[in-house]
Protein backbone atom coordinates (compact mmCIF):
# COMPACT_ATOMS: atom_id res chain seq x y z
CA MET A 1 -0.05 0.03 0.16
CA LEU A 2 1.60 3.40 -1.09
CA LEU A 3 0.30 6.50 0.42
CA PHE A 4 0.39 9.85 -1.15
CA ALA A 5 -0.17 13.37 0.29
CA GLY A 6 -3.77 13.29 -0.53
CA ASN A 7 -4.18 10.24 1.86
CA ILE A 8 -2.66 12.02 4.71
CA ALA A 9 -4.77 14.85 6.50
CA SER A 10 -2.50 14.78 9.97
CA GLU A 11 -0.42 12.54 11.92
CA GLU A 12 -3.30 11.65 14.03
CA GLN A 13 -5.26 10.44 11.03
CA LEU A 14 -2.42 8.84 9.42
CA ARG A 15 -2.13 6.49 12.59
CA SER A 16 -5.68 5.97 12.39
CA LEU A 17 -5.50 4.91 8.62
CA THR A 18 -2.85 2.50 8.96
CA ALA A 19 -4.19 0.84 12.20
CA GLN A 20 -7.25 -0.09 10.13
CA LEU A 21 -5.22 -1.28 7.19
CA ARG A 22 -3.46 -3.40 9.69
CA ASP A 23 -6.90 -4.55 11.18
CA HIS A 24 -7.43 -6.20 7.57
CA ASN A 25 -3.78 -7.54 7.16
CA PRO A 26 -1.14 -7.43 10.16
CA ASP A 27 1.61 -7.80 7.71
CA VAL A 28 0.69 -5.09 5.25
CA LEU A 29 3.58 -3.00 3.91
CA ILE A 30 2.59 0.54 4.12
CA ALA A 31 4.98 2.77 1.97
CA VAL A 32 5.33 6.60 1.36
CA ASP A 33 7.89 8.74 -0.31
CA GLU A 34 9.33 10.59 2.77
CA GLU A 35 12.73 11.90 1.32
CA GLY A 36 13.04 14.90 3.34
CA GLY A 37 13.42 18.28 1.53
CA ILE A 38 11.05 19.13 -1.34
CA VAL A 39 9.65 15.46 -1.33
CA THR A 40 7.30 14.83 1.43
CA ARG A 41 4.07 13.14 2.11
CA VAL A 42 3.38 13.27 5.73
CA GLU A 43 4.17 17.08 6.14
CA ALA A 44 2.95 17.96 2.51
CA ALA A 45 0.65 20.80 3.99
CA THR A 46 3.45 22.57 5.82
CA GLY A 47 6.80 21.55 4.05
CA SER A 48 9.27 19.12 5.65
CA SER A 49 10.94 19.68 8.85
CA TYR A 50 14.08 18.24 7.34
CA PRO A 51 16.50 19.62 4.64
CA GLY A 52 16.93 17.27 1.61
CA ASN A 53 19.77 15.43 0.18
CA ALA A 54 21.57 18.15 -1.45
CA ALA A 55 21.72 20.07 1.96
CA LEU A 56 22.95 17.01 3.76
CA GLY A 57 25.58 16.23 0.89
CA ALA A 58 26.84 19.63 1.16
CA ILE A 59 27.58 19.66 4.79
CA ASP A 60 29.13 16.13 4.34
CA ASP A 61 28.57 14.68 7.82
CA PRO A 62 27.40 11.34 7.45
CA ASP A 63 26.43 10.89 11.13
CA LEU A 64 24.03 13.93 10.57
CA THR A 65 22.64 12.26 7.74
CA ARG A 66 22.06 9.23 9.76
CA ARG A 67 20.48 11.02 12.61
CA ILE A 68 18.17 12.96 10.21
CA ALA A 69 17.09 9.55 8.79
CA VAL A 70 16.59 8.20 12.26
CA SER A 71 14.18 11.07 12.93
CA ILE A 72 12.33 10.94 9.76
CA GLY A 73 11.79 6.98 10.57
CA ALA A 74 10.54 7.80 13.63
CA MET A 75 8.05 9.88 12.54
CA LEU A 76 6.91 7.35 9.95
CA ALA A 77 6.76 4.57 12.41
CA ASP A 78 4.64 6.80 14.65
CA GLY A 79 2.62 7.10 11.91
CA GLY A 80 2.32 3.21 11.13
CA VAL A 81 4.36 3.42 7.94
CA ASN A 82 7.05 0.80 7.43
CA LEU A 83 8.59 1.42 4.16
CA ASN A 84 9.96 4.48 2.95
CA LEU A 85 10.78 5.10 -0.74
CA ALA A 86 13.88 6.80 0.20
CA PRO A 87 16.82 7.69 0.02
CA VAL A 88 17.51 9.16 -3.35
CA ALA A 89 20.97 7.40 -4.58
CA ASP A 90 21.09 9.40 -7.73
CA LEU A 91 23.90 11.65 -8.62
CA ASP A 92 23.38 15.15 -9.43
CA ALA A 93 25.32 14.30 -12.68
CA ASN A 94 23.39 16.73 -15.06
CA PRO A 95 22.29 20.17 -14.00
CA ALA A 96 19.95 20.36 -16.77
CA GLY A 97 18.15 17.46 -15.54
CA PRO A 98 14.48 18.21 -14.44
CA VAL A 99 13.87 15.62 -11.92
CA ILE A 100 16.94 14.88 -9.67
CA GLY A 101 18.59 18.14 -8.48
CA VAL A 102 18.32 18.83 -4.69
CA ARG A 103 16.94 15.09 -3.96
CA SER A 104 20.47 14.08 -4.65
CA PHE A 105 23.36 14.11 -2.36
CA GLY A 106 25.51 15.68 -5.00
CA ALA A 107 27.76 14.81 -8.11
CA ASP A 108 30.51 13.01 -6.22
CA ALA A 109 29.83 9.30 -6.24
CA THR A 110 31.94 8.54 -3.36
CA ARG A 111 30.37 11.17 -1.25
CA ALA A 112 26.70 10.04 -2.41
CA ALA A 113 27.44 6.53 -1.67
CA LEU A 114 28.64 7.65 2.16
CA HIS A 115 25.73 9.35 2.60
CA THR A 116 23.38 6.73 0.98
CA ALA A 117 24.53 4.23 3.26
CA ALA A 118 24.06 6.51 6.41
CA PHE A 119 20.46 7.17 5.38
CA VAL A 120 19.69 3.76 5.01
CA THR A 121 21.13 2.88 8.24
CA GLY A 122 19.38 5.50 9.92
CA LEU A 123 15.95 4.77 8.50
CA GLN A 124 16.11 1.19 9.19
CA ASP A 125 17.50 1.77 12.83
CA ALA A 126 14.24 3.45 13.32
CA GLY A 127 12.33 0.32 12.09
CA VAL A 128 11.30 1.44 8.78
CA ALA A 129 12.47 -0.16 5.53
CA ALA A 130 14.74 1.74 3.27
CA CYS A 131 14.39 1.84 -0.57
CA ALA A 132 17.46 3.36 -2.55
CA LYS A 133 16.16 4.72 -5.78
CA HIS A 134 16.31 5.05 -8.83
CA PHE A 135 18.43 2.06 -9.92
CA PRO A 136 20.72 2.34 -11.69
CA GLY A 137 20.87 6.09 -11.62
CA HIS A 138 18.60 8.86 -12.92
CA GLY A 139 20.78 11.59 -12.44
CA ARG A 140 22.36 11.52 -15.98
CA ALA A 141 19.15 12.03 -17.54
CA ALA A 142 17.80 15.28 -19.13
CA ALA A 143 14.25 14.28 -19.60
CA ASP A 144 11.44 13.56 -17.13
CA SER A 145 10.32 9.95 -16.94
CA HIS A 146 7.09 11.13 -15.82
CA LEU A 147 6.46 12.67 -19.27
CA GLU A 148 8.89 10.61 -21.60
CA LEU A 149 11.42 7.78 -21.82
CA PRO A 150 14.97 9.18 -20.85
CA VAL A 151 17.84 7.89 -22.52
CA VAL A 152 21.24 7.93 -21.17
CA GLU A 153 24.38 7.28 -23.35
CA ALA A 154 26.57 5.84 -20.58
CA THR A 155 28.33 2.47 -20.52
CA LEU A 156 28.24 -0.24 -17.79
CA ALA A 157 32.01 0.77 -17.18
CA GLU A 158 31.15 4.16 -16.47
CA LEU A 159 28.23 3.35 -14.28
CA ARG A 160 30.34 0.89 -12.19
CA ASN A 161 32.52 4.05 -11.51
CA THR A 162 29.85 6.53 -10.77
CA ASP A 163 26.12 6.05 -10.56
CA LEU A 164 26.20 2.53 -9.11
CA LEU A 165 28.50 3.27 -6.16
CA PRO A 166 25.59 4.58 -3.90
CA PHE A 167 23.67 1.61 -4.80
CA ARG A 168 26.39 -0.61 -3.82
CA ALA A 169 26.87 1.24 -0.70
CA ALA A 170 23.23 0.73 0.11
CA VAL A 171 23.20 -2.86 -0.61
CA ASP A 172 26.21 -3.13 1.57
CA ALA A 173 24.40 -1.35 4.45
CA GLY A 174 21.86 -3.84 4.08
CA VAL A 175 19.06 -2.04 2.29
CA LYS A 176 15.74 -3.73 2.25
CA SER A 177 14.60 -2.73 -1.17
CA VAL A 178 15.40 -0.78 -4.23
CA LEU A 179 13.44 1.23 -6.64
CA THR A 180 14.16 1.12 -10.50
CA ALA A 181 14.21 3.94 -12.77
CA HIS A 182 12.27 4.23 -16.06
CA VAL A 183 15.46 4.91 -17.99
CA GLN A 184 16.89 3.38 -21.06
CA PHE A 185 20.62 2.63 -21.10
CA PRO A 186 21.15 1.59 -24.89
CA ALA A 187 24.81 0.53 -24.32
CA ILE A 188 23.52 -2.11 -21.62
CA ASP A 189 19.89 -2.94 -22.79
CA SER A 190 17.27 -1.95 -25.32
CA VAL A 191 14.50 -1.55 -22.69
CA PRO A 192 14.27 0.82 -19.82
CA ALA A 193 15.81 -0.42 -16.47
CA THR A 194 12.51 -1.35 -14.98
CA LEU A 195 11.93 -3.81 -17.78
CA SER A 196 15.57 -5.18 -18.07
CA SER A 197 16.60 -8.60 -16.69
CA ARG A 198 19.94 -7.41 -17.36
CA MET A 199 19.86 -4.66 -15.20
CA LEU A 200 17.74 -6.08 -12.40
CA ARG A 201 19.19 -9.59 -12.34
CA GLY A 202 22.43 -9.20 -13.97
CA ILE A 203 23.65 -6.11 -12.23
CA LEU A 204 21.65 -5.58 -9.13
CA ARG A 205 21.10 -9.19 -8.19
CA ASP A 206 24.28 -11.01 -9.31
CA GLU A 207 26.84 -8.25 -9.42
CA LEU A 208 25.90 -6.04 -6.37
CA GLY A 209 24.45 -9.05 -4.45
CA PHE A 210 21.13 -7.60 -3.59
CA ASP A 211 18.40 -10.13 -2.20
CA GLY A 212 15.87 -7.75 -1.09
CA VAL A 213 12.67 -6.48 -2.69
CA ILE A 214 12.86 -4.81 -5.96
CA VAL A 215 10.23 -2.26 -6.51
CA THR A 216 9.34 -0.53 -9.62
CA ASP A 217 8.79 3.26 -10.18
CA ALA A 218 5.23 4.20 -10.87
CA LEU A 219 4.27 1.90 -13.99
CA GLY A 220 1.57 4.92 -14.98
CA MET A 221 4.53 6.87 -15.86
CA ALA A 222 4.85 7.93 -19.69
CA ALA A 223 8.39 6.26 -19.89
CA ILE A 224 6.56 2.95 -19.48
CA GLY A 225 3.08 3.92 -20.68
CA ASP A 226 1.43 1.41 -18.45
CA GLY A 227 -1.55 3.40 -17.71
CA ALA A 228 -5.41 2.53 -17.59
CA ASP A 229 -5.23 1.34 -21.28
CA SER A 230 -2.22 -1.05 -20.69
CA ALA A 231 -0.71 -3.49 -18.27
CA ALA A 232 2.07 -4.87 -20.50
CA GLY A 233 4.58 -2.98 -18.27
CA ALA A 234 3.48 -4.95 -15.25
CA VAL A 235 4.24 -8.10 -16.93
CA ALA A 236 7.48 -7.43 -18.37
CA ALA A 237 8.68 -5.62 -15.14
CA LEU A 238 7.71 -8.75 -13.23
CA ARG A 239 9.33 -11.06 -15.76
CA ALA A 240 12.53 -9.01 -15.71
CA GLY A 241 13.16 -9.60 -11.88
CA ALA A 242 10.94 -6.84 -10.12
CA ASP A 243 9.14 -8.17 -7.10
CA LEU A 244 6.77 -5.22 -6.15
CA LEU A 245 4.74 -3.24 -8.68
CA CYS A 246 3.97 0.31 -8.19
CA MET A 247 0.74 0.61 -10.15
CA ALA A 248 -1.12 3.40 -11.50
CA PRO A 249 -3.82 4.56 -9.03
CA GLU A 250 -6.61 4.28 -11.27
CA GLU A 251 -8.74 1.14 -10.31
CA THR A 252 -9.23 0.19 -14.20
CA ALA A 253 -5.32 0.10 -14.46
CA GLN A 254 -4.94 -2.19 -11.30
CA TRP A 255 -7.68 -4.53 -12.56
CA ARG A 256 -6.03 -4.62 -16.02
CA ALA A 257 -2.67 -5.58 -14.43
CA ARG A 258 -4.26 -8.44 -12.40
CA ASP A 259 -5.98 -9.78 -15.50
CA ALA A 260 -2.73 -9.42 -17.75
CA LEU A 261 -0.72 -11.11 -15.08
CA THR A 262 -3.25 -13.86 -14.67
CA ALA A 263 -3.19 -14.48 -18.65
CA ALA A 264 0.69 -14.13 -18.84
CA ILE A 265 1.05 -16.99 -16.35
CA ALA A 266 -1.52 -19.15 -17.92
CA ALA A 267 0.03 -18.60 -21.14
CA GLY A 268 3.46 -19.37 -20.01
CA GLU A 269 4.95 -16.01 -20.57
CA LEU A 270 5.42 -15.50 -17.00
CA SER A 271 6.43 -18.46 -14.83
CA GLY A 272 4.53 -19.25 -11.70
CA GLU A 273 7.93 -19.53 -10.01
CA ARG A 274 8.92 -15.95 -10.53
CA VAL A 275 5.73 -14.76 -9.18
CA ALA A 276 6.20 -17.09 -5.96
CA GLU A 277 9.79 -15.71 -5.74
CA ALA A 278 8.48 -12.37 -5.71
CA ALA A 279 5.73 -12.88 -3.33
CA GLU A 280 8.14 -14.59 -0.96
CA ARG A 281 10.65 -11.69 -0.78
CA ILE A 282 7.76 -9.38 -0.16
CA ARG A 283 6.54 -11.67 2.73
CA THR A 284 10.06 -11.63 4.24
CA LEU A 285 10.22 -7.71 4.09
CA ALA A 286 6.72 -7.53 5.87
CA LYS A 287 7.89 -9.97 8.54
CA TRP A 288 11.06 -7.87 9.14
CA ALA A 289 8.89 -4.77 9.23
CA ALA A 290 6.51 -6.25 11.71
CA SER A 291 9.05 -7.67 13.82
CA PRO A 292 8.95 -6.53 17.73
CA ASP A 293 12.65 -5.78 17.24
CA ARG A 294 11.42 -2.86 15.14
CA THR A 295 10.07 -1.23 18.24
CA LEU A 296 11.61 2.36 18.98
CA ASP A 297 13.79 2.51 21.71
CA ARG A 298 13.87 6.53 22.41
CA GLU A 299 15.79 6.20 25.39
CA ARG A 300 18.60 4.73 23.47
CA ASP A 301 18.38 7.32 20.70
CA PRO A 302 17.30 10.75 21.47
CA ASP A 303 16.90 11.72 17.79
CA LEU A 304 13.87 9.38 17.76
CA GLY A 305 12.09 12.20 19.58
CA LEU A 306 9.95 14.13 17.05
CA GLY A 307 10.49 17.45 18.65
CA ARG A 308 14.28 16.94 18.75
CA GLY A 309 14.22 15.66 15.17
CA ARG A 310 12.89 18.83 14.04
CA GLU A 311 15.33 20.70 15.89
CA LEU A 312 17.91 18.94 14.28
CA GLY A 313 16.44 19.59 11.01
CA LEU A 314 16.70 23.18 11.57
CA GLU A 315 20.04 23.22 12.59
CA ALA A 316 21.25 20.96 9.34
CA ALA A 317 19.22 23.45 7.22
CA ALA A 318 21.31 26.40 8.66
CA ARG A 319 24.44 24.55 8.35
CA ALA A 320 23.73 23.82 4.61
CA LEU A 321 23.19 27.51 3.61
CA LEU A 322 25.69 28.84 1.17
CA VAL A 323 26.49 32.47 1.88
CA ASP A 324 28.41 34.13 -0.70
CA GLY A 325 28.91 37.86 -0.94
CA ALA A 326 25.39 38.48 1.05
CA GLU A 327 25.63 41.03 3.78
CA VAL A 328 23.42 39.41 6.44
CA PRO A 329 21.20 40.20 8.33
CA LEU A 330 19.22 42.61 5.99
CA THR A 331 19.33 46.30 7.22
CA ALA A 332 15.68 46.82 6.79
CA PRO A 333 12.42 44.87 5.73
CA PRO A 334 13.06 44.08 1.96
CA LEU A 335 10.80 43.95 -1.13
CA VAL A 336 10.77 40.30 -2.26
CA LEU A 337 10.36 39.00 -5.88
CA ASP A 338 9.66 35.42 -5.19
CA ALA A 339 9.78 33.00 -8.01
CA GLY A 340 11.14 29.99 -5.75
CA GLY A 341 8.08 28.12 -6.84
CA ARG A 342 5.67 25.96 -4.90
CA MET A 343 6.68 22.37 -3.94
CA SER A 344 3.25 20.97 -3.58
CA VAL A 345 -0.39 21.88 -4.24
CA GLN A 346 -1.34 20.77 -0.78
CA LEU A 347 1.29 23.40 0.77
CA GLU A 348 0.02 26.10 2.66
CA ASP A 349 0.42 29.38 1.31
CA ARG A 350 2.20 30.78 4.08
CA ALA A 351 4.72 27.86 4.02
CA ALA A 352 5.17 27.82 0.29
CA SER A 353 7.95 30.65 -0.16
CA LEU A 354 10.66 32.47 1.29
CA LEU A 355 8.31 35.58 1.16
CA GLY A 356 5.68 33.97 3.10
CA VAL A 357 8.07 32.90 5.86
CA LEU A 358 10.04 36.07 5.93
CA GLY A 359 7.08 38.31 5.97
CA GLY A 360 6.07 36.49 9.41
CA MET A 361 9.63 36.86 10.63
CA LEU A 362 10.47 40.51 9.68
CA PRO A 363 7.44 42.56 9.82
CA GLY A 364 7.41 45.45 6.92
CA THR A 365 8.49 42.80 4.29
CA THR A 366 6.58 43.05 1.39
CA GLY A 367 6.68 41.31 -2.22
CA VAL A 368 5.17 39.46 -4.94
CA ARG A 369 4.96 35.73 -5.96
CA ILE A 370 5.93 35.08 -9.53
CA ALA A 371 5.06 31.86 -10.99
CA GLY A 372 5.93 32.03 -14.47
CA PRO A 373 6.91 34.48 -17.56
CA GLY A 374 3.15 35.86 -17.67
CA ASP A 375 4.01 37.48 -14.03
CA LEU A 376 6.94 39.38 -15.42
CA ALA A 377 4.75 42.43 -16.73
CA GLY A 378 5.34 45.35 -14.46
CA LEU A 379 8.65 44.01 -13.08
CA GLU A 380 10.57 47.12 -13.63
CA GLN A 381 8.06 49.24 -11.79
CA ARG A 382 8.13 47.11 -8.95
CA ILE A 383 11.93 47.33 -8.70
CA ALA A 384 11.66 51.21 -9.10
CA ASP A 385 8.99 51.03 -5.94
CA ALA A 386 11.73 49.20 -4.20
CA ALA A 387 14.16 52.37 -4.08
CA GLY A 388 15.89 52.78 -0.68
CA ARG A 389 15.13 49.43 0.67
CA PRO A 390 16.64 45.82 0.43
CA LEU A 391 15.73 43.88 -2.80
CA VAL A 392 15.74 40.20 -2.63
CA VAL A 393 14.97 37.93 -5.71
CA VAL A 394 14.22 34.47 -5.33
CA VAL A 395 14.72 31.80 -8.10
CA ARG A 396 14.65 27.88 -8.20
CA ASP A 397 17.24 26.49 -10.62
CA ALA A 398 17.17 29.68 -12.78
CA HIS A 399 19.74 27.83 -14.91
CA ARG A 400 17.22 25.51 -16.36
CA GLN A 401 14.45 28.22 -16.93
CA GLN A 402 14.62 31.04 -19.28
CA TRP A 403 11.96 33.05 -17.62
CA GLN A 404 13.82 33.03 -14.30
CA ARG A 405 17.07 34.00 -16.21
CA ASP A 406 15.03 37.11 -17.51
CA LEU A 407 13.85 37.96 -14.17
CA LEU A 408 17.52 37.93 -12.88
CA ARG A 409 18.75 39.78 -15.84
CA THR A 410 16.29 42.62 -15.61
CA THR A 411 16.52 42.83 -11.79
CA LEU A 412 20.36 42.81 -11.70
CA ARG A 413 20.38 45.43 -14.40
CA LEU A 414 18.35 47.85 -12.50
CA ARG A 415 19.57 46.73 -8.96
CA PRO A 416 22.94 45.35 -9.10
CA ASP A 417 22.75 45.10 -5.28
CA ALA A 418 20.04 42.83 -5.22
CA LEU A 419 20.50 39.69 -3.15
CA VAL A 420 19.78 36.42 -5.02
CA VAL A 421 18.35 33.70 -3.14
CA GLY A 422 18.44 30.27 -4.77
CA THR A 423 16.00 27.58 -3.45
CA GLY A 424 17.26 24.97 -5.80
CA THR A 425 20.59 23.51 -6.39
CA THR A 426 23.48 26.07 -6.38
CA HIS A 427 24.17 25.45 -10.08
CA ASP A 428 22.46 29.03 -10.62
CA ARG A 429 25.19 30.78 -8.60
CA GLY A 430 26.92 32.16 -11.73
CA LEU A 431 23.49 34.10 -12.81
CA ALA A 432 23.46 36.09 -9.73
CA GLY A 433 25.30 39.26 -9.00
CA PRO A 434 27.85 39.63 -6.05
CA ALA A 435 25.35 38.61 -3.24
CA TYR A 436 23.96 35.13 -3.33
CA LEU A 437 22.12 32.95 -0.66
CA GLY A 438 21.87 29.32 -1.66
CA THR A 439 19.43 27.17 0.35
CA ARG A 440 19.94 23.75 -1.34
CA GLY A 441 16.21 22.98 -1.24
CA ALA A 442 12.86 24.56 -0.33
CA SER A 443 11.83 22.66 2.69
CA ARG A 444 10.26 24.35 5.57
CA ALA A 445 13.40 23.77 7.44
CA SER A 446 15.50 25.39 4.68
CA LEU A 447 13.18 28.34 4.24
CA LEU A 448 13.12 29.11 7.97
CA ALA A 449 16.93 29.00 8.08
CA ALA A 450 17.21 31.16 5.25
CA ALA A 451 14.52 33.65 6.65
CA SER A 452 16.18 33.52 10.11
CA LEU A 453 19.34 34.57 8.68
CA LEU A 454 18.01 37.33 6.70
CA ALA A 455 15.81 38.66 9.46
CA GLY A 456 18.76 38.21 11.98
CA ARG A 457 16.50 36.33 14.52
CA PRO A 458 16.25 32.69 15.50
CA PRO A 459 13.73 30.56 13.57
CA ALA A 460 10.24 29.49 14.82
CA ASP A 461 9.90 26.26 16.20
CA GLY A 462 10.10 24.36 13.04
CA ARG A 463 6.73 23.02 13.32
CA ASN A 464 4.90 25.77 11.38
CA PRO A 465 6.11 29.17 9.63
CA PRO A 466 5.65 32.13 11.74
CA CYS A 467 2.26 33.70 12.24
CA GLY A 468 1.28 36.62 10.13
CA ALA A 469 3.01 35.35 6.99
């Protein structure tokens, strides 16, 4: 059972929901994508209490990464979740890539491997199974597999020296599951990794020695095309060596997949032994997750306390800030041009932007949210209205978006002293003027850390943005 943000209204409701599911099946695996940073399900309405992988990789303290993962795991375990589709083990190997970015521990494979292993260890110490993703690596891809099939021209030898290192580290750390990438590597196989026996059996199982559960990425994504009108991907993935199929949420798609799998077994296209093998691996994982040994020992590990975990998240977010030429705190309440983007449609407006968070922390702050090129009309007048006060312009990965580059170009031409805040990766540092503040992510923790630095005051408690935003 995979839960999304729309299934989770509060921590109390999550506990009630998971308890009801276990009333029907005590051994059910209940999963979420709780990476920290910009990908959160439990905290989708307020933003994550934890910075994401880019921030943790920049700090480069593997023990801190482990402690953050312990705290995330404790939050999930308290809610009845026992499988987390994290950590992201992909490298930030392509700055133009639209999918990975701040979700990665960075471009350095050795560093990413250390932090991947630390995150796996922390989650599983908290009693929640980890899932390293997206095997064998999505970080080189220039396309979004939600929309099309990415093709990566890398050889197996190249992957062994780079992208595969974090997955090898995850396996060595005892990771319970690995999630596949809907990415094609023509030098290795003619089909996406999710459907490739060469990838799943030959490399992940035989070469890396992984014997846990192989989980597919969502089969309804365009890279596979296994939506409501097709179930071929489900059959092909299971045949290739996947164990747990992440189906499209539509009921018709799930029924089609069931019928297609049944027909494939009857026709001899999919062996019953392969299905039984997958089922046994899933049962083994479910037994591990349900074991009394998974009970949290909060006295042994103080990071299992949720309050302490959120404090730890704020501390980490503050340590990850890149302050380059910026004079902080600000000398007066600023005008903020915020094009930092909204991480989730569920996200409360006051938590959705640096403008909202800073406005609650520094009275007198004003500004405007800029969501796209259509909002650039009247930009010069807005900048003129900010004469005599600090001007802050917020972008997210402007190196990938022409309209954000246009925003920066106009702003810096008229106000070379403007402070540029990047809430994505720091690949856009070269587009800013002399003053830059990089958050390495737009979680609630990262925005609070940046706002507190700009305001010159301690952040709020980390649970909710300051009142009045």
